[in-house]
Amino acid sequence: MADNYPMRMLALSMALIRQRMRDDLGIAAMIENGALSLRVKKGALFGRSASDDFRGDLNRRILEAQEYLERAQFAVTDEALVEAYEATNGTGPDADALWKEIRHRGLID
């Protein structure tokens, strides 16, 4: 089997972006339900809430990640994903992210 480095890197990028998007979705849910709020001081004695600004930026980043993942999913085959995982020798944070992506695709139970 030929070494397809660019496709493995695309698979890794996709896995890492999906992992980051899950984190972002968790943060967005905490802001939405009030468990997390951001306050900043901007030249005043009392801070103002920055949660809405942060939530807007976060939602934009989530949408961009979803769009990228939809596009990349057509290019990254199941084989490329497995090859990228095998190239990590199953260790490290990259391997963890790729393993989650493999499970997400349903390639393993």
PDB file of N, CA and C in Angstrom:
ATOM      1  N   MET A   1       0.841  -1.178   0.000  1.00  0.00           N
ATOM      2  CA  MET A   1       0.000   0.000   0.000  1.00  0.00           C
ATOM      3  C   MET A   1       0.893   1.250   0.000  1.00  0.00           C
ATOM      4  N   ALA A   2       0.583   2.195  -0.856  1.00  0.00           N
ATOM      5  CA  ALA A   2       1.388   3.408  -0.982  1.00  0.00           C
ATOM      6  C   ALA A   2       1.219   4.301   0.236  1.00  0.00           C
ATOM      7  N   ASP A   3       2.287   5.011   0.569  1.00  0.00           N
ATOM      8  CA  ASP A   3       2.232   5.942   1.687  1.00  0.00           C
ATOM      9  C   ASP A   3       1.512   7.203   1.220  1.00  0.00           C
ATOM     10  N   ASN A   4       0.369   7.476   1.790  1.00  0.00           N
ATOM     11  CA  ASN A   4      -0.433   8.624   1.378  1.00  0.00           C
ATOM     12  C   ASN A   4      -0.448   9.654   2.503  1.00  0.00           C
ATOM     13  N   TYR A   5       0.688  10.314   2.676  1.00  0.00           N
ATOM     14  CA  TYR A   5       0.873  11.263   3.775  1.00  0.00           C
ATOM     15  C   TYR A   5      -0.159  12.393   3.774  1.00  0.00           C
ATOM     16  N   PRO A   6      -0.410  13.050   2.627  1.00  0.00           N
ATOM     17  CA  PRO A   6      -1.396  14.155   2.651  1.00  0.00           C
ATOM     18  C   PRO A   6      -2.784  13.711   3.111  1.00  0.00           C
ATOM     19  N   MET A   7      -3.200  12.524   2.683  1.00  0.00           N
ATOM     20  CA  MET A   7      -4.525  12.053   3.080  1.00  0.00           C
ATOM     21  C   MET A   7      -4.552  11.716   4.576  1.00  0.00           C
ATOM     22  N   ARG A   8      -3.444  11.171   5.096  1.00  0.00           N
ATOM     23  CA  ARG A   8      -3.375  10.896   6.538  1.00  0.00           C
ATOM     24  C   ARG A   8      -3.428  12.190   7.330  1.00  0.00           C
ATOM     25  N   MET A   9      -2.766  13.225   6.851  1.00  0.00           N
ATOM     26  CA  MET A   9      -2.783  14.512   7.554  1.00  0.00           C
ATOM     27  C   MET A   9      -4.172  15.141   7.506  1.00  0.00           C
ATOM     28  N   LEU A  10      -4.867  14.981   6.394  1.00  0.00           N
ATOM     29  CA  LEU A  10      -6.234  15.483   6.302  1.00  0.00           C
ATOM     30  C   LEU A  10      -7.134  14.729   7.274  1.00  0.00           C
ATOM     31  N   ALA A  11      -6.932  13.415   7.380  1.00  0.00           N
ATOM     32  CA  ALA A  11      -7.710  12.615   8.332  1.00  0.00           C
ATOM     33  C   ALA A  11      -7.432  13.080   9.759  1.00  0.00           C
ATOM     34  N   LEU A  12      -6.174  13.326  10.073  1.00  0.00           N
ATOM     35  CA  LEU A  12      -5.819  13.799  11.413  1.00  0.00           C
ATOM     36  C   LEU A  12      -6.431  15.172  11.681  1.00  0.00           C
ATOM     37  N   SER A  13      -6.346  16.062  10.703  1.00  0.00           N
ATOM     38  CA  SER A  13      -6.940  17.390  10.861  1.00  0.00           C
ATOM     39  C   SER A  13      -8.434  17.288  11.124  1.00  0.00           C
ATOM     40  N   MET A  14      -9.083  16.421  10.383  1.00  0.00           N
ATOM     41  CA  MET A  14     -10.517  16.241  10.555  1.00  0.00           C
ATOM     42  C   MET A  14     -10.826  15.733  11.961  1.00  0.00           C
ATOM     43  N   ALA A  15     -10.056  14.778  12.436  1.00  0.00           N
ATOM     44  CA  ALA A  15     -10.284  14.228  13.778  1.00  0.00           C
ATOM     45  C   ALA A  15     -10.062  15.279  14.853  1.00  0.00           C
ATOM     46  N   LEU A  16      -9.016  16.082  14.711  1.00  0.00           N
ATOM     47  CA  LEU A  16      -8.731  17.113  15.710  1.00  0.00           C
ATOM     48  C   LEU A  16      -9.779  18.216  15.700  1.00  0.00           C
ATOM     49  N   ILE A  17     -10.260  18.577  14.515  1.00  0.00           N
ATOM     50  CA  ILE A  17     -11.303  19.605  14.421  1.00  0.00           C
ATOM     51  C   ILE A  17     -12.601  19.100  15.042  1.00  0.00           C
ATOM     52  N   ARG A  18     -12.924  17.832  14.809  1.00  0.00           N
ATOM     53  CA  ARG A  18     -14.144  17.287  15.423  1.00  0.00           C
ATOM     54  C   ARG A  18     -14.018  17.285  16.944  1.00  0.00           C
ATOM     55  N   GLN A  19     -12.843  16.944  17.453  1.00  0.00           N
ATOM     56  CA  GLN A  19     -12.619  16.948  18.903  1.00  0.00           C
ATOM     57  C   GLN A  19     -12.774  18.363  19.457  1.00  0.00           C
ATOM     58  N   ARG A  20     -12.210  19.346  18.775  1.00  0.00           N
ATOM     59  CA  ARG A  20     -12.327  20.742  19.206  1.00  0.00           C
ATOM     60  C   ARG A  20     -13.776  21.212  19.139  1.00  0.00           C
ATOM     61  N   MET A  21     -14.487  20.764  18.104  1.00  0.00           N
ATOM     62  CA  MET A  21     -15.880  21.167  17.959  1.00  0.00           C
ATOM     63  C   MET A  21     -16.711  20.599  19.112  1.00  0.00           C
ATOM     64  N   ARG A  22     -16.435  19.369  19.538  1.00  0.00           N
ATOM     65  CA  ARG A  22     -17.144  18.805  20.696  1.00  0.00           C
ATOM     66  C   ARG A  22     -16.899  19.651  21.941  1.00  0.00           C
ATOM     67  N   ASP A  23     -15.650  20.066  22.139  1.00  0.00           N
ATOM     68  CA  ASP A  23     -15.333  20.936  23.273  1.00  0.00           C
ATOM     69  C   ASP A  23     -16.094  22.250  23.173  1.00  0.00           C
ATOM     70  N   ASP A  24     -16.094  22.840  21.977  1.00  0.00           N
ATOM     71  CA  ASP A  24     -16.800  24.108  21.768  1.00  0.00           C
ATOM     72  C   ASP A  24     -18.296  23.965  22.020  1.00  0.00           C
ATOM     73  N   LEU A  25     -18.876  22.855  21.584  1.00  0.00           N
ATOM     74  CA  LEU A  25     -20.309  22.625  21.819  1.00  0.00           C
ATOM     75  C   LEU A  25     -20.603  22.519  23.315  1.00  0.00           C
ATOM     76  N   GLY A  26     -19.696  21.899  24.058  1.00  0.00           N
ATOM     77  CA  GLY A  26     -19.861  21.807  25.513  1.00  0.00           C
ATOM     78  C   GLY A  26     -19.805  23.169  26.169  1.00  0.00           C
ATOM     79  N   ILE A  27     -18.869  24.006  25.740  1.00  0.00           N
ATOM     80  CA  ILE A  27     -18.748  25.361  26.278  1.00  0.00           C
ATOM     81  C   ILE A  27     -19.989  26.178  25.926  1.00  0.00           C
ATOM     82  N   ALA A  28     -20.447  26.051  24.680  1.00  0.00           N
ATOM     83  CA  ALA A  28     -21.644  26.788  24.255  1.00  0.00           C
ATOM     84  C   ALA A  28     -22.861  26.382  25.080  1.00  0.00           C
ATOM     85  N   ALA A  29     -22.978  25.098  25.385  1.00  0.00           N
ATOM     86  CA  ALA A  29     -24.103  24.631  26.209  1.00  0.00           C
ATOM     87  C   ALA A  29     -24.014  25.198  27.619  1.00  0.00           C
ATOM     88  N   MET A  30     -22.806  25.295  28.175  1.00  0.00           N
ATOM     89  CA  MET A  30     -22.647  25.857  29.520  1.00  0.00           C
ATOM     90  C   MET A  30     -22.995  27.342  29.535  1.00  0.00           C
ATOM     91  N   ILE A  31     -22.661  28.067  28.484  1.00  0.00           N
ATOM     92  CA  ILE A  31     -23.026  29.486  28.407  1.00  0.00           C
ATOM     93  C   ILE A  31     -24.542  29.614  28.280  1.00  0.00           C
ATOM     94  N   GLU A  32     -25.117  28.755  27.458  1.00  0.00           N
ATOM     95  CA  GLU A  32     -26.559  28.804  27.210  1.00  0.00           C
ATOM     96  C   GLU A  32     -27.360  28.542  28.478  1.00  0.00           C
ATOM     97  N   ASN A  33     -26.948  27.562  29.282  1.00  0.00           N
ATOM     98  CA  ASN A  33     -27.726  27.240  30.476  1.00  0.00           C
ATOM     99  C   ASN A  33     -27.303  28.050  31.704  1.00  0.00           C
ATOM    100  N   GLY A  34     -26.344  28.954  31.532  1.00  0.00           N
ATOM    101  CA  GLY A  34     -25.958  29.850  32.617  1.00  0.00           C
ATOM    102  C   GLY A  34     -24.890  29.309  33.547  1.00  0.00           C
ATOM    103  N   ALA A  35     -24.366  28.125  33.269  1.00  0.00           N
ATOM    104  CA  ALA A  35     -23.323  27.549  34.117  1.00  0.00           C
ATOM    105  C   ALA A  35     -21.994  28.283  33.950  1.00  0.00           C
ATOM    106  N   LEU A  36     -21.831  28.990  32.841  1.00  0.00           N
ATOM    107  CA  LEU A  36     -20.602  29.734  32.570  1.00  0.00           C
ATOM    108  C   LEU A  36     -20.962  31.119  32.068  1.00  0.00           C
ATOM    109  N   SER A  37     -20.361  32.131  32.676  1.00  0.00           N
ATOM    110  CA  SER A  37     -20.555  33.492  32.181  1.00  0.00           C
ATOM    111  C   SER A  37     -19.204  34.195  32.203  1.00  0.00           C
ATOM    112  N   LEU A  38     -19.017  35.064  31.265  1.00  0.00           N
ATOM    113  CA  LEU A  38     -17.753  35.791  31.139  1.00  0.00           C
ATOM    114  C   LEU A  38     -17.972  37.250  31.467  1.00  0.00           C
ATOM    115  N   ARG A  39     -17.112  37.771  32.306  1.00  0.00           N
ATOM    116  CA  ARG A  39     -17.174  39.185  32.668  1.00  0.00           C
ATOM    117  C   ARG A  39     -15.822  39.802  32.379  1.00  0.00           C
ATOM    118  N   VAL A  40     -15.850  40.989  31.831  1.00  0.00           N
ATOM    119  CA  VAL A  40     -14.600  41.704  31.556  1.00  0.00           C
ATOM    120  C   VAL A  40     -14.710  43.126  32.076  1.00  0.00           C
ATOM    121  N   LYS A  41     -13.576  43.656  32.455  1.00  0.00           N
ATOM    122  CA  LYS A  41     -13.506  45.066  32.826  1.00  0.00           C
ATOM    123  C   LYS A  41     -12.964  45.820  31.636  1.00  0.00           C
ATOM    124  N   LYS A  42     -13.634  46.883  31.290  1.00  0.00           N
ATOM    125  CA  LYS A  42     -13.179  47.682  30.168  1.00  0.00           C
ATOM    126  C   LYS A  42     -13.220  49.141  30.583  1.00  0.00           C
ATOM    127  N   GLY A  43     -12.206  49.542  31.316  1.00  0.00           N
ATOM    128  CA  GLY A  43     -12.093  50.936  31.720  1.00  0.00           C
ATOM    129  C   GLY A  43     -13.154  51.396  32.694  1.00  0.00           C
ATOM    130  N   ALA A  44     -13.829  50.459  33.323  1.00  0.00           N
ATOM    131  CA  ALA A  44     -14.874  50.849  34.265  1.00  0.00           C
ATOM    132  C   ALA A  44     -14.659  50.104  35.572  1.00  0.00           C
ATOM    133  N   LEU A  45     -15.336  50.594  36.578  1.00  0.00           N
ATOM    134  CA  LEU A  45     -15.227  49.966  37.880  1.00  0.00           C
ATOM    135  C   LEU A  45     -15.885  48.586  37.905  1.00  0.00           C
ATOM    136  N   PHE A  46     -16.978  48.475  37.190  1.00  0.00           N
ATOM    137  CA  PHE A  46     -17.712  47.208  37.156  1.00  0.00           C
ATOM    138  C   PHE A  46     -17.533  46.554  35.795  1.00  0.00           C
ATOM    139  N   GLY A  47     -17.474  45.252  35.798  1.00  0.00           N
ATOM    140  CA  GLY A  47     -17.294  44.523  34.546  1.00  0.00           C
ATOM    141  C   GLY A  47     -18.587  44.419  33.769  1.00  0.00           C
ATOM    142  N   ARG A  48     -18.459  44.267  32.488  1.00  0.00           N
ATOM    143  CA  ARG A  48     -19.635  44.028  31.645  1.00  0.00           C
ATOM    144  C   ARG A  48     -19.620  42.589  31.193  1.00  0.00           C
ATOM    145  N   SER A  49     -20.773  42.080  30.863  1.00  0.00           N
ATOM    146  CA  SER A  49     -20.869  40.695  30.412  1.00  0.00           C
ATOM    147  C   SER A  49     -20.358  40.589  28.984  1.00  0.00           C
ATOM    148  N   ALA A  50     -19.440  39.671  28.768  1.00  0.00           N
ATOM    149  CA  ALA A  50     -18.910  39.418  27.431  1.00  0.00           C
ATOM    150  C   ALA A  50     -19.419  38.089  26.895  1.00  0.00           C
ATOM    151  N   SER A  51     -20.357  37.482  27.592  1.00  0.00           N
ATOM    152  CA  SER A  51     -20.842  36.167  27.195  1.00  0.00           C
ATOM    153  C   SER A  51     -21.467  36.171  25.805  1.00  0.00           C
ATOM    154  N   ASP A  52     -22.239  37.199  25.479  1.00  0.00           N
ATOM    155  CA  ASP A  52     -22.887  37.236  24.164  1.00  0.00           C
ATOM    156  C   ASP A  52     -21.866  37.341  23.045  1.00  0.00           C
ATOM    157  N   ASP A  53     -20.851  38.194  23.229  1.00  0.00           N
ATOM    158  CA  ASP A  53     -19.796  38.313  22.207  1.00  0.00           C
ATOM    159  C   ASP A  53     -19.062  36.986  22.038  1.00  0.00           C
ATOM    160  N   PHE A  54     -18.712  36.372  23.146  1.00  0.00           N
ATOM    161  CA  PHE A  54     -17.987  35.104  23.107  1.00  0.00           C
ATOM    162  C   PHE A  54     -18.859  34.020  22.485  1.00  0.00           C
ATOM    163  N   ARG A  55     -20.138  33.992  22.861  1.00  0.00           N
ATOM    164  CA  ARG A  55     -21.057  32.991  22.309  1.00  0.00           C
ATOM    165  C   ARG A  55     -21.172  33.147  20.797  1.00  0.00           C
ATOM    166  N   GLY A  56     -21.239  34.368  20.315  1.00  0.00           N
ATOM    167  CA  GLY A  56     -21.311  34.593  18.869  1.00  0.00           C
ATOM    168  C   GLY A  56     -20.069  34.082  18.153  1.00  0.00           C
ATOM    169  N   ASP A  57     -18.896  34.394  18.701  1.00  0.00           N
ATOM    170  CA  ASP A  57     -17.649  33.900  18.112  1.00  0.00           C
ATOM    171  C   ASP A  57     -17.583  32.380  18.155  1.00  0.00           C
ATOM    172  N   LEU A  58     -18.015  31.813  19.265  1.00  0.00           N
ATOM    173  CA  LEU A  58     -17.991  30.366  19.433  1.00  0.00           C
ATOM    174  C   LEU A  58     -18.931  29.688  18.439  1.00  0.00           C
ATOM    175  N   ASN A  59     -20.125  30.219  18.287  1.00  0.00           N
ATOM    176  CA  ASN A  59     -21.080  29.649  17.338  1.00  0.00           C
ATOM    177  C   ASN A  59     -20.565  29.740  15.907  1.00  0.00           C
ATOM    178  N   ARG A  60     -19.907  30.835  15.565  1.00  0.00           N
ATOM    179  CA  ARG A  60     -19.324  30.978  14.229  1.00  0.00           C
ATOM    180  C   ARG A  60     -18.238  29.918  14.011  1.00  0.00           C
ATOM    181  N   ARG A  61     -17.411  29.693  15.034  1.00  0.00           N
ATOM    182  CA  ARG A  61     -16.346  28.686  14.925  1.00  0.00           C
ATOM    183  C   ARG A  61     -16.934  27.284  14.791  1.00  0.00           C
ATOM    184  N   ILE A  62     -18.018  27.005  15.499  1.00  0.00           N
ATOM    185  CA  ILE A  62     -18.673  25.701  15.402  1.00  0.00           C
ATOM    186  C   ILE A  62     -19.224  25.484  13.997  1.00  0.00           C
ATOM    187  N   LEU A  63     -19.869  26.503  13.437  1.00  0.00           N
ATOM    188  CA  LEU A  63     -20.409  26.385  12.079  1.00  0.00           C
ATOM    189  C   LEU A  63     -19.304  26.171  11.045  1.00  0.00           C
ATOM    190  N   GLU A  64     -18.188  26.875  11.196  1.00  0.00           N
ATOM    191  CA  GLU A  64     -17.062  26.686  10.286  1.00  0.00           C
ATOM    192  C   GLU A  64     -16.503  25.271  10.389  1.00  0.00           C
ATOM    193  N   ALA A  65     -16.420  24.748  11.603  1.00  0.00           N
ATOM    194  CA  ALA A  65     -15.924  23.386  11.799  1.00  0.00           C
ATOM    195  C   ALA A  65     -16.875  22.371  11.165  1.00  0.00           C
ATOM    196  N   GLN A  66     -18.166  22.572  11.333  1.00  0.00           N
ATOM    197  CA  GLN A  66     -19.131  21.654  10.738  1.00  0.00           C
ATOM    198  C   GLN A  66     -19.028  21.659   9.214  1.00  0.00           C
ATOM    199  N   GLU A  67     -18.864  22.844   8.636  1.00  0.00           N
ATOM    200  CA  GLU A  67     -18.728  22.950   7.179  1.00  0.00           C
ATOM    201  C   GLU A  67     -17.461  22.243   6.703  1.00  0.00           C
ATOM    202  N   TYR A  68     -16.353  22.453   7.402  1.00  0.00           N
ATOM    203  CA  TYR A  68     -15.097  21.799   7.026  1.00  0.00           C
ATOM    204  C   TYR A  68     -15.241  20.283   7.113  1.00  0.00           C
ATOM    205  N   LEU A  69     -15.850  19.800   8.189  1.00  0.00           N
ATOM    206  CA  LEU A  69     -16.002  18.353   8.371  1.00  0.00           C
ATOM    207  C   LEU A  69     -16.878  17.738   7.286  1.00  0.00           C
ATOM    208  N   GLU A  70     -17.926  18.441   6.888  1.00  0.00           N
ATOM    209  CA  GLU A  70     -18.780  17.939   5.816  1.00  0.00           C
ATOM    210  C   GLU A  70     -17.999  17.817   4.518  1.00  0.00           C
ATOM    211  N   ARG A  71     -17.170  18.801   4.220  1.00  0.00           N
ATOM    212  CA  ARG A  71     -16.360  18.763   2.989  1.00  0.00           C
ATOM    213  C   ARG A  71     -15.277  17.697   3.062  1.00  0.00           C
ATOM    214  N   ALA A  72     -14.595  17.618   4.199  1.00  0.00           N
ATOM    215  CA  ALA A  72     -13.472  16.689   4.344  1.00  0.00           C
ATOM    216  C   ALA A  72     -13.940  15.245   4.369  1.00  0.00           C
ATOM    217  N   GLN A  73     -15.143  14.997   4.844  1.00  0.00           N
ATOM    218  CA  GLN A  73     -15.624  13.632   4.960  1.00  0.00           C
ATOM    219  C   GLN A  73     -15.701  12.940   3.602  1.00  0.00           C
ATOM    220  N   PHE A  74     -15.922  13.699   2.548  1.00  0.00           N
ATOM    221  CA  PHE A  74     -15.979  13.108   1.211  1.00  0.00           C
ATOM    222  C   PHE A  74     -14.576  12.728   0.726  1.00  0.00           C
ATOM    223  N   ALA A  75     -13.564  13.473   1.149  1.00  0.00           N
ATOM    224  CA  ALA A  75     -12.199  13.227   0.687  1.00  0.00           C
ATOM    225  C   ALA A  75     -11.490  12.149   1.496  1.00  0.00           C
ATOM    226  N   VAL A  76     -11.770  12.083   2.784  1.00  0.00           N
ATOM    227  CA  VAL A  76     -11.066  11.145   3.662  1.00  0.00           C
ATOM    228  C   VAL A  76     -11.820   9.821   3.685  1.00  0.00           C
ATOM    229  N   THR A  77     -11.191   8.821   3.112  1.00  0.00           N
ATOM    230  CA  THR A  77     -11.808   7.503   3.090  1.00  0.00           C
ATOM    231  C   THR A  77     -11.604   6.807   4.431  1.00  0.00           C
ATOM    232  N   ASP A  78     -12.353   5.768   4.636  1.00  0.00           N
ATOM    233  CA  ASP A  78     -12.183   4.974   5.854  1.00  0.00           C
ATOM    234  C   ASP A  78     -10.768   4.408   5.927  1.00  0.00           C
ATOM    235  N   GLU A  79     -10.243   3.992   4.778  1.00  0.00           N
ATOM    236  CA  GLU A  79      -8.893   3.429   4.733  1.00  0.00           C
ATOM    237  C   GLU A  79      -7.853   4.461   5.139  1.00  0.00           C
ATOM    238  N   ALA A  80      -8.006   5.699   4.665  1.00  0.00           N
ATOM    239  CA  ALA A  80      -7.055   6.762   5.016  1.00  0.00           C
ATOM    240  C   ALA A  80      -7.108   7.056   6.515  1.00  0.00           C
ATOM    241  N   LEU A  81      -8.278   6.988   7.073  1.00  0.00           N
ATOM    242  CA  LEU A  81      -8.443   7.220   8.503  1.00  0.00           C
ATOM    243  C   LEU A  81      -7.739   6.132   9.309  1.00  0.00           C
ATOM    244  N   VAL A  82      -7.918   4.891   8.906  1.00  0.00           N
ATOM    245  CA  VAL A  82      -7.266   3.779   9.590  1.00  0.00           C
ATOM    246  C   VAL A  82      -5.747   3.852   9.408  1.00  0.00           C
ATOM    247  N   GLU A  83      -5.289   4.202   8.197  1.00  0.00           N
ATOM    248  CA  GLU A  83      -3.850   4.341   7.953  1.00  0.00           C
ATOM    249  C   GLU A  83      -3.254   5.443   8.822  1.00  0.00           C
ATOM    250  N   ALA A  84      -3.977   6.545   8.980  1.00  0.00           N
ATOM    251  CA  ALA A  84      -3.488   7.638   9.816  1.00  0.00           C
ATOM    252  C   ALA A  84      -3.366   7.170  11.257  1.00  0.00           C
ATOM    253  N   TYR A  85      -4.345   6.381  11.711  1.00  0.00           N
ATOM    254  CA  TYR A  85      -4.279   5.843  13.074  1.00  0.00           C
ATOM    255  C   TYR A  85      -3.094   4.897  13.215  1.00  0.00           C
ATOM    256  N   GLU A  86      -2.907   4.022  12.251  1.00  0.00           N
ATOM    257  CA  GLU A  86      -1.796   3.065  12.309  1.00  0.00           C
ATOM    258  C   GLU A  86      -0.447   3.780  12.297  1.00  0.00           C
ATOM    259  N   ALA A  87      -0.352   4.914  11.614  1.00  0.00           N
ATOM    260  CA  ALA A  87       0.908   5.665  11.556  1.00  0.00           C
ATOM    261  C   ALA A  87       1.291   6.241  12.915  1.00  0.00           C
ATOM    262  N   THR A  88       0.318   6.380  13.813  1.00  0.00           N
ATOM    263  CA  THR A  88       0.619   6.893  15.159  1.00  0.00           C
ATOM    264  C   THR A  88       1.080   5.787  16.098  1.00  0.00           C
ATOM    265  N   ASN A  89       1.050   4.540  15.635  1.00  0.00           N
ATOM    266  CA  ASN A  89       1.356   3.372  16.468  1.00  0.00           C
ATOM    267  C   ASN A  89       0.409   3.268  17.665  1.00  0.00           C
ATOM    268  N   GLY A  90      -0.741   3.903  17.558  1.00  0.00           N
ATOM    269  CA  GLY A  90      -1.757   3.800  18.600  1.00  0.00           C
ATOM    270  C   GLY A  90      -1.441   4.549  19.879  1.00  0.00           C
ATOM    271  N   THR A  91      -0.490   5.470  19.835  1.00  0.00           N
ATOM    272  CA  THR A  91      -0.149   6.213  21.048  1.00  0.00           C
ATOM    273  C   THR A  91      -0.183   7.714  20.787  1.00  0.00           C
ATOM    274  N   GLY A  92      -0.440   8.446  21.841  1.00  0.00           N
ATOM    275  CA  GLY A  92      -0.406   9.908  21.783  1.00  0.00           C
ATOM    276  C   GLY A  92      -1.765  10.526  21.554  1.00  0.00           C
ATOM    277  N   PRO A  93      -1.822  11.852  21.658  1.00  0.00           N
ATOM    278  CA  PRO A  93      -3.103  12.553  21.507  1.00  0.00           C
ATOM    279  C   PRO A  93      -3.669  12.448  20.087  1.00  0.00           C
ATOM    280  N   ASP A  94      -2.797  12.376  19.077  1.00  0.00           N
ATOM    281  CA  ASP A  94      -3.291  12.218  17.705  1.00  0.00           C
ATOM    282  C   ASP A  94      -4.006  10.887  17.545  1.00  0.00           C
ATOM    283  N   ALA A  95      -3.438   9.852  18.137  1.00  0.00           N
ATOM    284  CA  ALA A  95      -4.057   8.526  18.062  1.00  0.00           C
ATOM    285  C   ALA A  95      -5.425   8.548  18.738  1.00  0.00           C
ATOM    286  N   ASP A  96      -5.534   9.222  19.870  1.00  0.00           N
ATOM    287  CA  ASP A  96      -6.818   9.312  20.574  1.00  0.00           C
ATOM    288  C   ASP A  96      -7.872   9.995  19.708  1.00  0.00           C
ATOM    289  N   ALA A  97      -7.492  11.106  19.076  1.00  0.00           N
ATOM    290  CA  ALA A  97      -8.436  11.838  18.229  1.00  0.00           C
ATOM    291  C   ALA A  97      -8.846  10.994  17.024  1.00  0.00           C
ATOM    292  N   LEU A  98      -7.888  10.315  16.414  1.00  0.00           N
ATOM    293  CA  LEU A  98      -8.206   9.469  15.261  1.00  0.00           C
ATOM    294  C   LEU A  98      -9.087   8.286  15.670  1.00  0.00           C
ATOM    295  N   TRP A  99      -8.814   7.721  16.835  1.00  0.00           N
ATOM    296  CA  TRP A  99      -9.623   6.607  17.312  1.00  0.00           C
ATOM    297  C   TRP A  99     -11.073   7.044  17.515  1.00  0.00           C
ATOM    298  N   LYS A 100     -11.263   8.245  18.070  1.00  0.00           N
ATOM    299  CA  LYS A 100     -12.624   8.762  18.254  1.00  0.00           C
ATOM    300  C   LYS A 100     -13.318   8.952  16.911  1.00  0.00           C
ATOM    301  N   GLU A 101     -12.563   9.421  15.914  1.00  0.00           N
ATOM    302  CA  GLU A 101     -13.137   9.611  14.577  1.00  0.00           C
ATOM    303  C   GLU A 101     -13.505   8.265  13.952  1.00  0.00           C
ATOM    304  N   ILE A 102     -12.665   7.264  14.153  1.00  0.00           N
ATOM    305  CA  ILE A 102     -12.959   5.916  13.649  1.00  0.00           C
ATOM    306  C   ILE A 102     -14.244   5.398  14.291  1.00  0.00           C
ATOM    307  N   ARG A 103     -14.380   5.603  15.589  1.00  0.00           N
ATOM    308  CA  ARG A 103     -15.611   5.179  16.285  1.00  0.00           C
ATOM    309  C   ARG A 103     -16.811   5.987  15.807  1.00  0.00           C
ATOM    310  N   HIS A 104     -16.596   7.292  15.565  1.00  0.00           N
ATOM    311  CA  HIS A 104     -17.680   8.154  15.090  1.00  0.00           C
ATOM    312  C   HIS A 104     -18.231   7.638  13.754  1.00  0.00           C
ATOM    313  N   ARG A 105     -17.328   7.185  12.904  1.00  0.00           N
ATOM    314  CA  ARG A 105     -17.747   6.652  11.611  1.00  0.00           C
ATOM    315  C   ARG A 105     -18.360   5.257  11.702  1.00  0.00           C
ATOM    316  N   GLY A 106     -18.236   4.645  12.861  1.00  0.00           N
ATOM    317  CA  GLY A 106     -18.818   3.313  13.035  1.00  0.00           C
ATOM    318  C   GLY A 106     -17.961   2.201  12.453  1.00  0.00           C
ATOM    319  N   LEU A 107     -16.656   2.448  12.313  1.00  0.00           N
ATOM    320  CA  LEU A 107     -15.782   1.424  11.753  1.00  0.00           C
ATOM    321  C   LEU A 107     -15.444   0.341  12.761  1.00  0.00           C
ATOM    322  N   ILE A 108     -15.683   0.628  14.028  1.00  0.00           N
ATOM    323  CA  ILE A 108     -15.420  -0.322  15.097  1.00  0.00           C
ATOM    324  C   ILE A 108     -16.447  -0.100  16.189  1.00  0.00           C
ATOM    325  N   ASP A 109     -16.755  -1.147  16.900  1.00  0.00           N
ATOM    326  CA  ASP A 109     -17.745  -1.032  17.994  1.00  0.00           C
ATOM    327  C   ASP A 109     -17.123  -0.577  19.271  1.00  0.00           C
TER     328      ASP A 109
END
